[in-house]
Amino acid sequence: MMKTNPMRQSRTIQTHLILPPDTNHHQTIFGGKVLAYIDEIAAISSMKHAQGEVVTASIDSVDFLSSAKVGDVLELEAVVSSTGRSSMEVYVRVTSTNLITGEVKLTTESYVTMVAIDKNSKPVPIPGIHPETDEEKRLFETGPARRAHRKQRLEMKH
């Protein structure tokens, strides 16, 4: 039987204070800055799971749901939500908190595909995952549908 790791083993949390250089003329964070944070935390989460090097294969979806402003704190949480032979889907949830009012908003949700590689940049096998919490079960159970959607998207003519 194939070894699996609990999803919690890959869970990673980062916190960032939004400063003026991170923002546009509306004083809201640049989407590209959020994307960079998402890519970084997805890499960390997938390296924890694979216990090795990874590369980003694709940012499968990014939904910007609300804005975050100067002075807000962004909290990113990532977890490996599905695995293949060498690939991992990483779910990233981003919330913003206004520390003065205490208001917390879901700002971004994303799925990123990472691939485990060896020292020659060749894909290497990784363990599977198993969910423990209700949220993890939901992410895990909906993974095959997202994988099928990615495959269908890749098969489309460009």
N, C-alpha and C. Protein backbone atom coordinates (compact mmCIF):
# COMPACT_ATOMS: atom_id res chain seq x y z
N MET A 1 0.84 -1.19 0.00
CA MET A 1 0.00 0.00 0.00
C MET A 1 0.88 1.25 0.00
N MET A 2 0.47 2.23 -0.77
CA MET A 2 1.24 3.47 -0.91
C MET A 2 1.17 4.31 0.38
N LYS A 3 2.29 4.87 0.76
CA LYS A 3 2.36 5.73 1.94
C LYS A 3 1.58 7.02 1.68
N THR A 4 0.83 7.45 2.70
CA THR A 4 0.16 8.75 2.61
C THR A 4 0.52 9.58 3.84
N ASN A 5 0.51 10.88 3.65
CA ASN A 5 0.75 11.82 4.74
C ASN A 5 -0.55 12.52 5.08
N PRO A 6 -0.74 12.89 6.34
CA PRO A 6 -1.91 13.71 6.65
C PRO A 6 -1.77 15.08 5.98
N MET A 7 -2.87 15.62 5.52
CA MET A 7 -2.82 16.92 4.85
C MET A 7 -2.22 17.98 5.76
N ARG A 8 -2.48 17.89 7.05
CA ARG A 8 -1.98 18.90 8.00
C ARG A 8 -0.46 19.02 7.98
N GLN A 9 0.23 17.97 7.55
CA GLN A 9 1.70 18.00 7.50
C GLN A 9 2.19 19.09 6.55
N SER A 10 1.41 19.41 5.54
CA SER A 10 1.82 20.43 4.56
C SER A 10 1.27 21.82 4.89
N ARG A 11 0.41 21.91 5.89
CA ARG A 11 -0.22 23.20 6.21
C ARG A 11 0.85 24.25 6.52
N THR A 12 0.71 25.40 5.89
CA THR A 12 1.66 26.49 6.04
C THR A 12 0.89 27.80 6.16
N ILE A 13 1.35 28.66 7.05
CA ILE A 13 0.69 29.96 7.25
C ILE A 13 1.75 31.05 7.16
N GLN A 14 1.42 32.13 6.44
CA GLN A 14 2.28 33.30 6.35
C GLN A 14 1.44 34.54 6.66
N THR A 15 2.08 35.53 7.25
CA THR A 15 1.42 36.79 7.55
C THR A 15 2.25 37.94 6.98
N HIS A 16 1.57 38.88 6.34
CA HIS A 16 2.24 40.04 5.73
C HIS A 16 1.45 41.31 6.06
N LEU A 17 2.16 42.36 6.44
CA LEU A 17 1.58 43.69 6.61
C LEU A 17 1.60 44.38 5.26
N ILE A 18 0.46 44.93 4.84
CA ILE A 18 0.41 45.64 3.56
C ILE A 18 0.93 47.06 3.76
N LEU A 19 1.99 47.39 3.06
CA LEU A 19 2.64 48.69 3.14
C LEU A 19 2.43 49.47 1.84
N PRO A 20 2.61 50.79 1.87
CA PRO A 20 2.38 51.60 0.66
C PRO A 20 3.07 51.10 -0.62
N PRO A 21 4.33 50.65 -0.58
CA PRO A 21 4.95 50.18 -1.83
C PRO A 21 4.28 48.95 -2.44
N ASP A 22 3.46 48.24 -1.64
CA ASP A 22 2.77 47.03 -2.11
C ASP A 22 1.45 47.36 -2.82
N THR A 23 1.10 48.64 -2.88
CA THR A 23 -0.25 49.00 -3.32
C THR A 23 -0.28 49.86 -4.58
N ASN A 24 -1.46 49.90 -5.15
CA ASN A 24 -1.71 50.70 -6.35
C ASN A 24 -2.26 52.07 -5.96
N HIS A 25 -2.74 52.83 -6.94
CA HIS A 25 -3.24 54.19 -6.67
C HIS A 25 -4.55 54.20 -5.88
N HIS A 26 -5.17 53.04 -5.68
CA HIS A 26 -6.37 52.94 -4.83
C HIS A 26 -6.00 52.58 -3.39
N GLN A 27 -4.71 52.47 -3.12
CA GLN A 27 -4.18 52.03 -1.83
C GLN A 27 -4.61 50.60 -1.48
N THR A 28 -4.85 49.79 -2.53
CA THR A 28 -5.13 48.36 -2.34
C THR A 28 -3.94 47.57 -2.90
N ILE A 29 -3.74 46.40 -2.35
CA ILE A 29 -2.57 45.61 -2.73
C ILE A 29 -2.63 45.21 -4.20
N PHE A 30 -1.47 45.26 -4.86
CA PHE A 30 -1.37 44.81 -6.25
C PHE A 30 -1.71 43.32 -6.32
N GLY A 31 -2.49 42.94 -7.32
CA GLY A 31 -2.80 41.53 -7.53
C GLY A 31 -1.54 40.71 -7.75
N GLY A 32 -0.57 41.28 -8.45
CA GLY A 32 0.68 40.57 -8.70
C GLY A 32 1.46 40.28 -7.43
N LYS A 33 1.35 41.16 -6.45
CA LYS A 33 2.01 40.94 -5.16
C LYS A 33 1.36 39.74 -4.46
N VAL A 34 0.03 39.70 -4.51
CA VAL A 34 -0.70 38.57 -3.91
C VAL A 34 -0.32 37.28 -4.63
N LEU A 35 -0.22 37.33 -5.96
CA LEU A 35 0.18 36.14 -6.73
C LEU A 35 1.56 35.65 -6.32
N ALA A 36 2.49 36.57 -6.09
CA ALA A 36 3.83 36.17 -5.66
C ALA A 36 3.78 35.49 -4.29
N TYR A 37 2.98 36.03 -3.38
CA TYR A 37 2.82 35.40 -2.07
C TYR A 37 2.22 34.00 -2.22
N ILE A 38 1.21 33.87 -3.10
CA ILE A 38 0.55 32.58 -3.32
C ILE A 38 1.55 31.56 -3.86
N ASP A 39 2.35 31.96 -4.84
CA ASP A 39 3.34 31.04 -5.42
C ASP A 39 4.36 30.61 -4.36
N GLU A 40 4.79 31.55 -3.55
CA GLU A 40 5.78 31.23 -2.51
C GLU A 40 5.22 30.26 -1.48
N ILE A 41 4.03 30.51 -0.97
CA ILE A 41 3.48 29.63 0.07
C ILE A 41 3.12 28.27 -0.51
N ALA A 42 2.69 28.22 -1.77
CA ALA A 42 2.41 26.93 -2.41
C ALA A 42 3.69 26.11 -2.52
N ALA A 43 4.79 26.77 -2.83
CA ALA A 43 6.08 26.08 -2.91
C ALA A 43 6.48 25.52 -1.55
N ILE A 44 6.34 26.32 -0.52
CA ILE A 44 6.71 25.87 0.83
C ILE A 44 5.85 24.69 1.26
N SER A 45 4.55 24.80 1.07
CA SER A 45 3.63 23.73 1.45
C SER A 45 3.95 22.43 0.71
N SER A 46 4.20 22.53 -0.59
CA SER A 46 4.47 21.32 -1.37
C SER A 46 5.86 20.74 -1.05
N MET A 47 6.84 21.59 -0.73
CA MET A 47 8.15 21.08 -0.31
C MET A 47 8.04 20.33 1.02
N LYS A 48 7.19 20.81 1.91
CA LYS A 48 6.98 20.12 3.17
C LYS A 48 6.41 18.72 2.91
N HIS A 49 5.48 18.63 1.96
CA HIS A 49 4.87 17.34 1.64
C HIS A 49 5.86 16.42 0.93
N ALA A 50 6.52 16.93 -0.10
CA ALA A 50 7.43 16.12 -0.92
C ALA A 50 8.77 15.86 -0.24
N GLN A 51 9.08 16.67 0.76
CA GLN A 51 10.38 16.62 1.43
C GLN A 51 11.51 16.74 0.42
N GLY A 52 11.33 17.70 -0.49
CA GLY A 52 12.33 17.93 -1.52
C GLY A 52 11.97 19.15 -2.34
N GLU A 53 12.68 19.31 -3.44
CA GLU A 53 12.50 20.46 -4.32
C GLU A 53 11.23 20.33 -5.15
N VAL A 54 10.68 21.47 -5.52
CA VAL A 54 9.47 21.52 -6.35
C VAL A 54 9.59 22.67 -7.34
N VAL A 55 8.76 22.60 -8.38
CA VAL A 55 8.61 23.72 -9.31
C VAL A 55 7.12 23.96 -9.50
N THR A 56 6.80 25.18 -9.85
CA THR A 56 5.41 25.54 -10.14
C THR A 56 5.08 25.06 -11.55
N ALA A 57 4.04 24.25 -11.67
CA ALA A 57 3.59 23.79 -12.99
C ALA A 57 2.52 24.73 -13.54
N SER A 58 1.61 25.16 -12.66
CA SER A 58 0.57 26.10 -13.10
C SER A 58 -0.11 26.71 -11.89
N ILE A 59 -0.58 27.92 -12.10
CA ILE A 59 -1.51 28.52 -11.16
C ILE A 59 -2.87 28.31 -11.82
N ASP A 60 -3.61 27.34 -11.29
CA ASP A 60 -4.81 26.85 -11.95
C ASP A 60 -5.98 27.80 -11.86
N SER A 61 -6.14 28.42 -10.72
CA SER A 61 -7.22 29.39 -10.58
C SER A 61 -6.86 30.38 -9.49
N VAL A 62 -7.29 31.59 -9.68
CA VAL A 62 -7.12 32.63 -8.67
C VAL A 62 -8.40 33.45 -8.70
N ASP A 63 -9.08 33.48 -7.59
CA ASP A 63 -10.29 34.29 -7.47
C ASP A 63 -10.02 35.40 -6.48
N PHE A 64 -9.99 36.64 -7.00
CA PHE A 64 -9.84 37.81 -6.13
C PHE A 64 -11.25 38.20 -5.69
N LEU A 65 -11.54 38.01 -4.41
CA LEU A 65 -12.90 38.17 -3.91
C LEU A 65 -13.15 39.51 -3.23
N SER A 66 -12.12 40.10 -2.66
CA SER A 66 -12.24 41.42 -2.05
C SER A 66 -10.85 42.03 -2.00
N SER A 67 -10.80 43.35 -1.79
CA SER A 67 -9.51 44.04 -1.77
C SER A 67 -8.97 44.14 -0.35
N ALA A 68 -7.68 44.37 -0.28
CA ALA A 68 -7.01 44.60 1.00
C ALA A 68 -6.24 45.91 0.87
N LYS A 69 -6.26 46.70 1.92
CA LYS A 69 -5.72 48.05 1.88
C LYS A 69 -4.45 48.20 2.71
N VAL A 70 -3.77 49.33 2.49
CA VAL A 70 -2.60 49.68 3.28
C VAL A 70 -2.97 49.58 4.77
N GLY A 71 -2.11 48.93 5.54
CA GLY A 71 -2.34 48.78 6.97
C GLY A 71 -3.05 47.50 7.34
N ASP A 72 -3.70 46.84 6.35
CA ASP A 72 -4.31 45.54 6.63
C ASP A 72 -3.21 44.49 6.75
N VAL A 73 -3.54 43.40 7.38
CA VAL A 73 -2.64 42.26 7.47
C VAL A 73 -3.22 41.15 6.60
N LEU A 74 -2.38 40.61 5.72
CA LEU A 74 -2.77 39.46 4.91
C LEU A 74 -2.30 38.20 5.62
N GLU A 75 -3.18 37.20 5.67
CA GLU A 75 -2.79 35.90 6.18
C GLU A 75 -3.07 34.89 5.09
N LEU A 76 -2.05 34.18 4.69
CA LEU A 76 -2.16 33.13 3.69
C LEU A 76 -2.05 31.79 4.38
N GLU A 77 -2.92 30.87 3.98
CA GLU A 77 -2.87 29.51 4.50
C GLU A 77 -2.90 28.56 3.31
N ALA A 78 -1.97 27.62 3.28
CA ALA A 78 -1.86 26.67 2.16
C ALA A 78 -1.82 25.25 2.69
N VAL A 79 -2.36 24.33 1.88
CA VAL A 79 -2.31 22.91 2.21
C VAL A 79 -2.35 22.11 0.91
N VAL A 80 -1.59 21.03 0.86
CA VAL A 80 -1.67 20.13 -0.30
C VAL A 80 -3.04 19.47 -0.24
N SER A 81 -3.83 19.66 -1.31
CA SER A 81 -5.22 19.20 -1.31
C SER A 81 -5.45 17.99 -2.19
N SER A 82 -4.50 17.67 -3.06
CA SER A 82 -4.63 16.52 -3.95
C SER A 82 -3.23 16.18 -4.46
N THR A 83 -3.01 14.89 -4.75
CA THR A 83 -1.70 14.49 -5.26
C THR A 83 -1.86 13.57 -6.46
N GLY A 84 -0.83 13.60 -7.31
CA GLY A 84 -0.70 12.65 -8.40
C GLY A 84 0.58 11.86 -8.15
N ARG A 85 1.21 11.37 -9.20
CA ARG A 85 2.45 10.62 -9.04
C ARG A 85 3.57 11.52 -8.54
N SER A 86 3.74 12.69 -9.18
CA SER A 86 4.78 13.63 -8.78
C SER A 86 4.23 15.04 -8.58
N SER A 87 2.96 15.22 -8.89
CA SER A 87 2.37 16.56 -8.79
C SER A 87 1.50 16.69 -7.56
N MET A 88 1.37 17.93 -7.12
CA MET A 88 0.55 18.26 -5.96
C MET A 88 -0.29 19.48 -6.29
N GLU A 89 -1.56 19.39 -5.96
CA GLU A 89 -2.43 20.56 -6.02
C GLU A 89 -2.38 21.19 -4.63
N VAL A 90 -2.14 22.49 -4.58
CA VAL A 90 -2.08 23.20 -3.31
C VAL A 90 -3.20 24.23 -3.28
N TYR A 91 -4.02 24.15 -2.24
CA TYR A 91 -5.09 25.13 -2.03
C TYR A 91 -4.52 26.26 -1.17
N VAL A 92 -4.73 27.51 -1.64
CA VAL A 92 -4.25 28.67 -0.90
C VAL A 92 -5.44 29.60 -0.63
N ARG A 93 -5.61 29.92 0.63
CA ARG A 93 -6.69 30.82 1.07
C ARG A 93 -6.02 32.06 1.65
N VAL A 94 -6.48 33.25 1.21
CA VAL A 94 -5.91 34.51 1.67
C VAL A 94 -7.01 35.33 2.33
N THR A 95 -6.78 35.76 3.57
CA THR A 95 -7.70 36.66 4.25
C THR A 95 -6.96 37.95 4.58
N SER A 96 -7.74 39.02 4.71
CA SER A 96 -7.18 40.29 5.16
C SER A 96 -7.87 40.69 6.45
N THR A 97 -7.10 41.29 7.33
CA THR A 97 -7.64 41.74 8.61
C THR A 97 -7.30 43.21 8.80
N ASN A 98 -8.31 44.01 9.13
CA ASN A 98 -8.11 45.39 9.55
C ASN A 98 -7.88 45.32 11.05
N LEU A 99 -6.66 45.60 11.49
CA LEU A 99 -6.32 45.45 12.90
C LEU A 99 -6.99 46.49 13.80
N ILE A 100 -7.46 47.58 13.22
CA ILE A 100 -8.14 48.61 14.01
C ILE A 100 -9.59 48.21 14.29
N THR A 101 -10.28 47.75 13.24
CA THR A 101 -11.71 47.40 13.40
C THR A 101 -11.91 45.92 13.72
N GLY A 102 -10.90 45.09 13.40
CA GLY A 102 -11.04 43.66 13.60
C GLY A 102 -11.74 42.94 12.46
N GLU A 103 -12.15 43.69 11.42
CA GLU A 103 -12.84 43.07 10.29
C GLU A 103 -11.91 42.12 9.54
N VAL A 104 -12.39 40.90 9.29
CA VAL A 104 -11.65 39.89 8.54
C VAL A 104 -12.43 39.58 7.28
N LYS A 105 -11.74 39.60 6.13
CA LYS A 105 -12.38 39.31 4.84
C LYS A 105 -11.60 38.24 4.10
N LEU A 106 -12.32 37.35 3.44
CA LEU A 106 -11.69 36.43 2.51
C LEU A 106 -11.37 37.24 1.27
N THR A 107 -10.10 37.33 0.92
CA THR A 107 -9.72 38.16 -0.23
C THR A 107 -9.42 37.36 -1.48
N THR A 108 -8.82 36.18 -1.32
CA THR A 108 -8.40 35.41 -2.50
C THR A 108 -8.42 33.92 -2.18
N GLU A 109 -8.83 33.12 -3.17
CA GLU A 109 -8.69 31.67 -3.10
C GLU A 109 -7.99 31.23 -4.38
N SER A 110 -7.11 30.24 -4.25
CA SER A 110 -6.33 29.81 -5.40
C SER A 110 -5.97 28.34 -5.30
N TYR A 111 -5.79 27.72 -6.47
CA TYR A 111 -5.25 26.37 -6.58
C TYR A 111 -4.00 26.44 -7.45
N VAL A 112 -2.92 25.86 -6.97
CA VAL A 112 -1.64 25.88 -7.66
C VAL A 112 -1.16 24.44 -7.81
N THR A 113 -0.63 24.09 -8.99
CA THR A 113 -0.05 22.76 -9.19
C THR A 113 1.46 22.86 -9.12
N MET A 114 2.04 22.05 -8.25
CA MET A 114 3.48 22.00 -8.06
C MET A 114 3.95 20.58 -8.41
N VAL A 115 5.19 20.46 -8.88
CA VAL A 115 5.75 19.16 -9.23
C VAL A 115 7.05 18.96 -8.46
N ALA A 116 7.17 17.79 -7.83
CA ALA A 116 8.40 17.44 -7.10
C ALA A 116 9.46 17.03 -8.12
N ILE A 117 10.69 17.52 -7.91
CA ILE A 117 11.77 17.22 -8.86
C ILE A 117 13.02 16.77 -8.11
N ASP A 118 13.90 16.08 -8.85
CA ASP A 118 15.19 15.68 -8.30
C ASP A 118 16.26 16.71 -8.67
N LYS A 119 17.51 16.41 -8.36
CA LYS A 119 18.60 17.36 -8.62
C LYS A 119 18.81 17.63 -10.10
N ASN A 120 18.28 16.76 -10.97
CA ASN A 120 18.37 16.94 -12.42
C ASN A 120 17.11 17.55 -13.01
N SER A 121 16.24 18.06 -12.14
CA SER A 121 14.97 18.67 -12.53
C SER A 121 14.00 17.69 -13.19
N LYS A 122 14.11 16.42 -12.85
CA LYS A 122 13.20 15.39 -13.35
C LYS A 122 12.15 15.10 -12.28
N PRO A 123 10.88 14.89 -12.68
CA PRO A 123 9.83 14.59 -11.70
C PRO A 123 10.14 13.34 -10.88
N VAL A 124 9.81 13.41 -9.61
CA VAL A 124 10.00 12.26 -8.70
C VAL A 124 8.69 11.94 -7.99
N PRO A 125 8.48 10.67 -7.66
CA PRO A 125 7.23 10.29 -6.97
C PRO A 125 7.15 10.90 -5.58
N ILE A 126 5.90 11.13 -5.18
CA ILE A 126 5.63 11.70 -3.86
C ILE A 126 4.60 10.83 -3.14
N PRO A 127 4.50 10.96 -1.82
CA PRO A 127 3.45 10.23 -1.10
C PRO A 127 2.07 10.81 -1.44
N GLY A 128 1.05 10.02 -1.20
CA GLY A 128 -0.31 10.53 -1.29
C GLY A 128 -0.64 11.32 -0.03
N ILE A 129 -1.89 11.73 0.08
CA ILE A 129 -2.35 12.46 1.27
C ILE A 129 -3.62 11.82 1.79
N HIS A 130 -3.93 12.10 3.03
CA HIS A 130 -5.24 11.71 3.56
C HIS A 130 -5.77 12.85 4.44
N PRO A 131 -7.07 13.13 4.28
CA PRO A 131 -7.69 14.21 5.04
C PRO A 131 -8.10 13.74 6.44
N GLU A 132 -8.20 14.70 7.34
CA GLU A 132 -8.64 14.41 8.70
C GLU A 132 -9.83 15.27 9.12
N THR A 133 -9.83 16.55 8.74
CA THR A 133 -10.93 17.44 9.15
C THR A 133 -11.99 17.50 8.05
N ASP A 134 -13.15 18.08 8.37
CA ASP A 134 -14.22 18.22 7.38
C ASP A 134 -13.77 19.08 6.20
N GLU A 135 -13.06 20.18 6.50
CA GLU A 135 -12.57 21.05 5.42
C GLU A 135 -11.59 20.28 4.53
N GLU A 136 -10.68 19.53 5.13
CA GLU A 136 -9.73 18.74 4.36
C GLU A 136 -10.44 17.69 3.51
N LYS A 137 -11.47 17.06 4.06
CA LYS A 137 -12.24 16.06 3.31
C LYS A 137 -12.90 16.69 2.09
N ARG A 138 -13.46 17.90 2.26
CA ARG A 138 -14.10 18.59 1.14
C ARG A 138 -13.08 18.88 0.04
N LEU A 139 -11.92 19.42 0.42
CA LEU A 139 -10.87 19.70 -0.55
C LEU A 139 -10.40 18.43 -1.25
N PHE A 140 -10.19 17.37 -0.47
CA PHE A 140 -9.70 16.10 -1.00
C PHE A 140 -10.70 15.48 -1.97
N GLU A 141 -11.97 15.46 -1.57
CA GLU A 141 -13.01 14.81 -2.38
C GLU A 141 -13.31 15.56 -3.68
N THR A 142 -13.08 16.86 -3.70
CA THR A 142 -13.33 17.63 -4.93
C THR A 142 -12.09 17.73 -5.82
N GLY A 143 -10.98 17.19 -5.36
CA GLY A 143 -9.74 17.21 -6.13
C GLY A 143 -9.82 16.55 -7.49
N PRO A 144 -10.40 15.35 -7.60
CA PRO A 144 -10.48 14.70 -8.92
C PRO A 144 -11.23 15.54 -9.97
N ALA A 145 -12.25 16.25 -9.58
CA ALA A 145 -12.98 17.11 -10.53
C ALA A 145 -12.09 18.25 -11.00
N ARG A 146 -11.32 18.83 -10.11
CA ARG A 146 -10.41 19.91 -10.51
C ARG A 146 -9.31 19.37 -11.43
N ARG A 147 -8.82 18.17 -11.12
CA ARG A 147 -7.80 17.54 -11.96
C ARG A 147 -8.35 17.31 -13.37
N ALA A 148 -9.58 16.81 -13.46
CA ALA A 148 -10.20 16.57 -14.78
C ALA A 148 -10.36 17.88 -15.54
N HIS A 149 -10.72 18.94 -14.82
CA HIS A 149 -10.86 20.25 -15.46
C HIS A 149 -9.52 20.75 -15.99
N ARG A 150 -8.45 20.57 -15.20
CA ARG A 150 -7.11 20.97 -15.66
C ARG A 150 -6.71 20.20 -16.91
N LYS A 151 -6.97 18.90 -16.89
CA LYS A 151 -6.63 18.05 -18.03
C LYS A 151 -7.40 18.49 -19.26
N GLN A 152 -8.68 18.76 -19.09
CA GLN A 152 -9.51 19.22 -20.21
C GLN A 152 -8.99 20.55 -20.74
N ARG A 153 -8.63 21.45 -19.86
CA ARG A 153 -8.10 22.76 -20.27
C ARG A 153 -6.81 22.61 -21.07
N LEU A 154 -5.93 21.70 -20.65
CA LEU A 154 -4.67 21.48 -21.33
C LEU A 154 -4.87 20.87 -22.72
N GLU A 155 -5.92 20.08 -22.86
CA GLU A 155 -6.19 19.43 -24.15
C GLU A 155 -6.83 20.37 -25.16
N MET A 156 -7.30 21.52 -24.70
CA MET A 156 -7.91 22.50 -25.62
C MET A 156 -6.85 23.08 -26.52
N LYS A 157 -7.22 23.35 -27.75
CA LYS A 157 -6.28 23.97 -28.70
C LYS A 157 -6.04 25.42 -28.27
N HIS A 158 -4.80 25.84 -28.36
CA HIS A 158 -4.45 27.24 -28.00
C HIS A 158 -4.48 28.10 -29.22
